[in-house]
Amino acid sequence: MTSDDLDGFTVRFAALADGLALQRLRQAPPLSTEDARRHLNRLIDTELRRRS
């Protein structure tokens, strides 16, 4: 990843992680730990690929 938008990436990652954590805790709608990890990994893959 390049340093051109690390702040933006950090905000997007934190927002997604926070939202997934709340959804996981409330289970509304249901979310497994594996699904949450998949969502986070997809964001990371997309962000890294975009900057390569």
N, C-alpha and C. Protein backbone atom coordinates (compact mmCIF):
# COMPACT_ATOMS: atom_id res chain seq x y z
N MET A 1 0.85 -1.19 0.00
CA MET A 1 0.00 0.00 0.00
C MET A 1 0.88 1.23 0.00
N THR A 2 0.53 2.19 -0.76
CA THR A 2 1.27 3.44 -0.78
C THR A 2 0.74 4.36 0.31
N SER A 3 1.46 5.42 0.56
CA SER A 3 1.06 6.33 1.64
C SER A 3 0.17 7.46 1.15
N ASP A 4 -0.36 7.37 -0.06
CA ASP A 4 -1.14 8.49 -0.60
C ASP A 4 -2.49 8.68 0.08
N ASP A 5 -3.04 7.65 0.70
CA ASP A 5 -4.34 7.82 1.37
C ASP A 5 -4.46 6.90 2.59
N LEU A 6 -3.42 6.83 3.40
CA LEU A 6 -3.48 5.97 4.58
C LEU A 6 -4.55 6.44 5.57
N ASP A 7 -4.72 7.75 5.68
CA ASP A 7 -5.74 8.27 6.59
C ASP A 7 -7.13 7.84 6.13
N GLY A 8 -7.39 7.94 4.84
CA GLY A 8 -8.68 7.53 4.31
C GLY A 8 -8.92 6.05 4.49
N PHE A 9 -7.89 5.25 4.23
CA PHE A 9 -8.01 3.81 4.42
C PHE A 9 -8.31 3.49 5.89
N THR A 10 -7.61 4.16 6.79
CA THR A 10 -7.81 3.92 8.22
C THR A 10 -9.23 4.23 8.64
N VAL A 11 -9.77 5.32 8.14
CA VAL A 11 -11.15 5.70 8.46
C VAL A 11 -12.13 4.66 7.91
N ARG A 12 -11.94 4.24 6.66
CA ARG A 12 -12.85 3.25 6.05
C ARG A 12 -12.77 1.91 6.78
N PHE A 13 -11.54 1.49 7.12
CA PHE A 13 -11.37 0.22 7.82
C PHE A 13 -12.02 0.28 9.21
N ALA A 14 -11.76 1.36 9.94
CA ALA A 14 -12.31 1.50 11.28
C ALA A 14 -13.84 1.55 11.25
N ALA A 15 -14.39 2.26 10.27
CA ALA A 15 -15.85 2.36 10.17
C ALA A 15 -16.47 0.99 9.88
N LEU A 16 -15.86 0.25 8.97
CA LEU A 16 -16.38 -1.08 8.66
C LEU A 16 -16.23 -2.01 9.86
N ALA A 17 -15.07 -1.99 10.49
CA ALA A 17 -14.84 -2.86 11.65
C ALA A 17 -15.82 -2.53 12.78
N ASP A 18 -16.05 -1.25 13.02
CA ASP A 18 -16.98 -0.83 14.07
C ASP A 18 -18.40 -1.29 13.74
N GLY A 19 -18.82 -1.07 12.51
CA GLY A 19 -20.17 -1.48 12.11
C GLY A 19 -20.35 -2.99 12.18
N LEU A 20 -19.34 -3.73 11.75
CA LEU A 20 -19.42 -5.19 11.81
C LEU A 20 -19.44 -5.69 13.25
N ALA A 21 -18.66 -5.05 14.11
CA ALA A 21 -18.65 -5.44 15.53
C ALA A 21 -20.03 -5.23 16.16
N LEU A 22 -20.64 -4.09 15.87
CA LEU A 22 -21.98 -3.84 16.41
C LEU A 22 -22.99 -4.85 15.87
N GLN A 23 -22.91 -5.11 14.58
CA GLN A 23 -23.82 -6.08 13.98
C GLN A 23 -23.60 -7.47 14.58
N ARG A 24 -22.35 -7.83 14.80
CA ARG A 24 -22.03 -9.14 15.37
C ARG A 24 -22.58 -9.25 16.79
N LEU A 25 -22.41 -8.21 17.56
CA LEU A 25 -22.91 -8.23 18.95
C LEU A 25 -24.43 -8.29 19.02
N ARG A 26 -25.10 -7.53 18.17
CA ARG A 26 -26.55 -7.46 18.19
C ARG A 26 -27.19 -8.63 17.46
N GLN A 27 -26.46 -9.20 16.49
CA GLN A 27 -26.99 -10.27 15.65
C GLN A 27 -28.27 -9.84 14.93
N ALA A 28 -28.28 -8.59 14.50
CA ALA A 28 -29.41 -8.06 13.76
C ALA A 28 -28.90 -7.23 12.60
N PRO A 29 -28.81 -7.77 11.41
CA PRO A 29 -29.05 -9.16 11.02
C PRO A 29 -27.89 -10.05 11.46
N PRO A 30 -28.12 -11.35 11.49
CA PRO A 30 -27.09 -12.29 11.94
C PRO A 30 -25.79 -12.15 11.15
N LEU A 31 -24.67 -12.26 11.86
CA LEU A 31 -23.35 -12.15 11.23
C LEU A 31 -22.39 -13.05 11.97
N SER A 32 -21.77 -13.96 11.25
CA SER A 32 -20.77 -14.84 11.87
C SER A 32 -19.42 -14.14 11.89
N THR A 33 -18.54 -14.61 12.75
CA THR A 33 -17.19 -14.08 12.81
C THR A 33 -16.49 -14.27 11.47
N GLU A 34 -16.71 -15.41 10.85
CA GLU A 34 -16.09 -15.70 9.55
C GLU A 34 -16.57 -14.71 8.48
N ASP A 35 -17.86 -14.40 8.48
CA ASP A 35 -18.39 -13.43 7.51
C ASP A 35 -17.81 -12.03 7.76
N ALA A 36 -17.71 -11.66 9.03
CA ALA A 36 -17.14 -10.35 9.35
C ALA A 36 -15.70 -10.27 8.87
N ARG A 37 -14.93 -11.33 9.10
CA ARG A 37 -13.54 -11.35 8.64
C ARG A 37 -13.48 -11.27 7.12
N ARG A 38 -14.39 -11.94 6.45
CA ARG A 38 -14.41 -11.92 4.99
C ARG A 38 -14.66 -10.49 4.49
N HIS A 39 -15.57 -9.78 5.13
CA HIS A 39 -15.85 -8.39 4.74
C HIS A 39 -14.60 -7.51 4.94
N LEU A 40 -13.93 -7.66 6.08
CA LEU A 40 -12.74 -6.87 6.33
C LEU A 40 -11.63 -7.21 5.34
N ASN A 41 -11.45 -8.50 5.08
CA ASN A 41 -10.41 -8.91 4.12
C ASN A 41 -10.70 -8.40 2.72
N ARG A 42 -11.98 -8.36 2.35
CA ARG A 42 -12.36 -7.84 1.03
C ARG A 42 -11.99 -6.36 0.92
N LEU A 43 -12.25 -5.60 1.98
CA LEU A 43 -11.87 -4.18 1.96
C LEU A 43 -10.36 -4.04 1.82
N ILE A 44 -9.61 -4.80 2.59
CA ILE A 44 -8.15 -4.73 2.52
C ILE A 44 -7.66 -5.11 1.13
N ASP A 45 -8.18 -6.20 0.59
CA ASP A 45 -7.78 -6.63 -0.76
C ASP A 45 -8.08 -5.55 -1.80
N THR A 46 -9.26 -4.97 -1.71
CA THR A 46 -9.66 -3.93 -2.65
C THR A 46 -8.76 -2.71 -2.53
N GLU A 47 -8.50 -2.28 -1.32
CA GLU A 47 -7.67 -1.10 -1.11
C GLU A 47 -6.23 -1.35 -1.56
N LEU A 48 -5.69 -2.51 -1.27
CA LEU A 48 -4.32 -2.81 -1.66
C LEU A 48 -4.18 -2.94 -3.17
N ARG A 49 -5.16 -3.58 -3.79
CA ARG A 49 -5.13 -3.76 -5.24
C ARG A 49 -5.25 -2.40 -5.95
N ARG A 50 -6.09 -1.53 -5.41
CA ARG A 50 -6.30 -0.20 -6.01
C ARG A 50 -5.00 0.60 -6.02
N ARG A 51 -4.15 0.39 -5.04
CA ARG A 51 -2.94 1.20 -4.88
C ARG A 51 -1.71 0.54 -5.50
N SER A 52 -1.82 -0.68 -5.94
CA SER A 52 -0.64 -1.39 -6.49
C SER A 52 -0.29 -0.86 -7.85
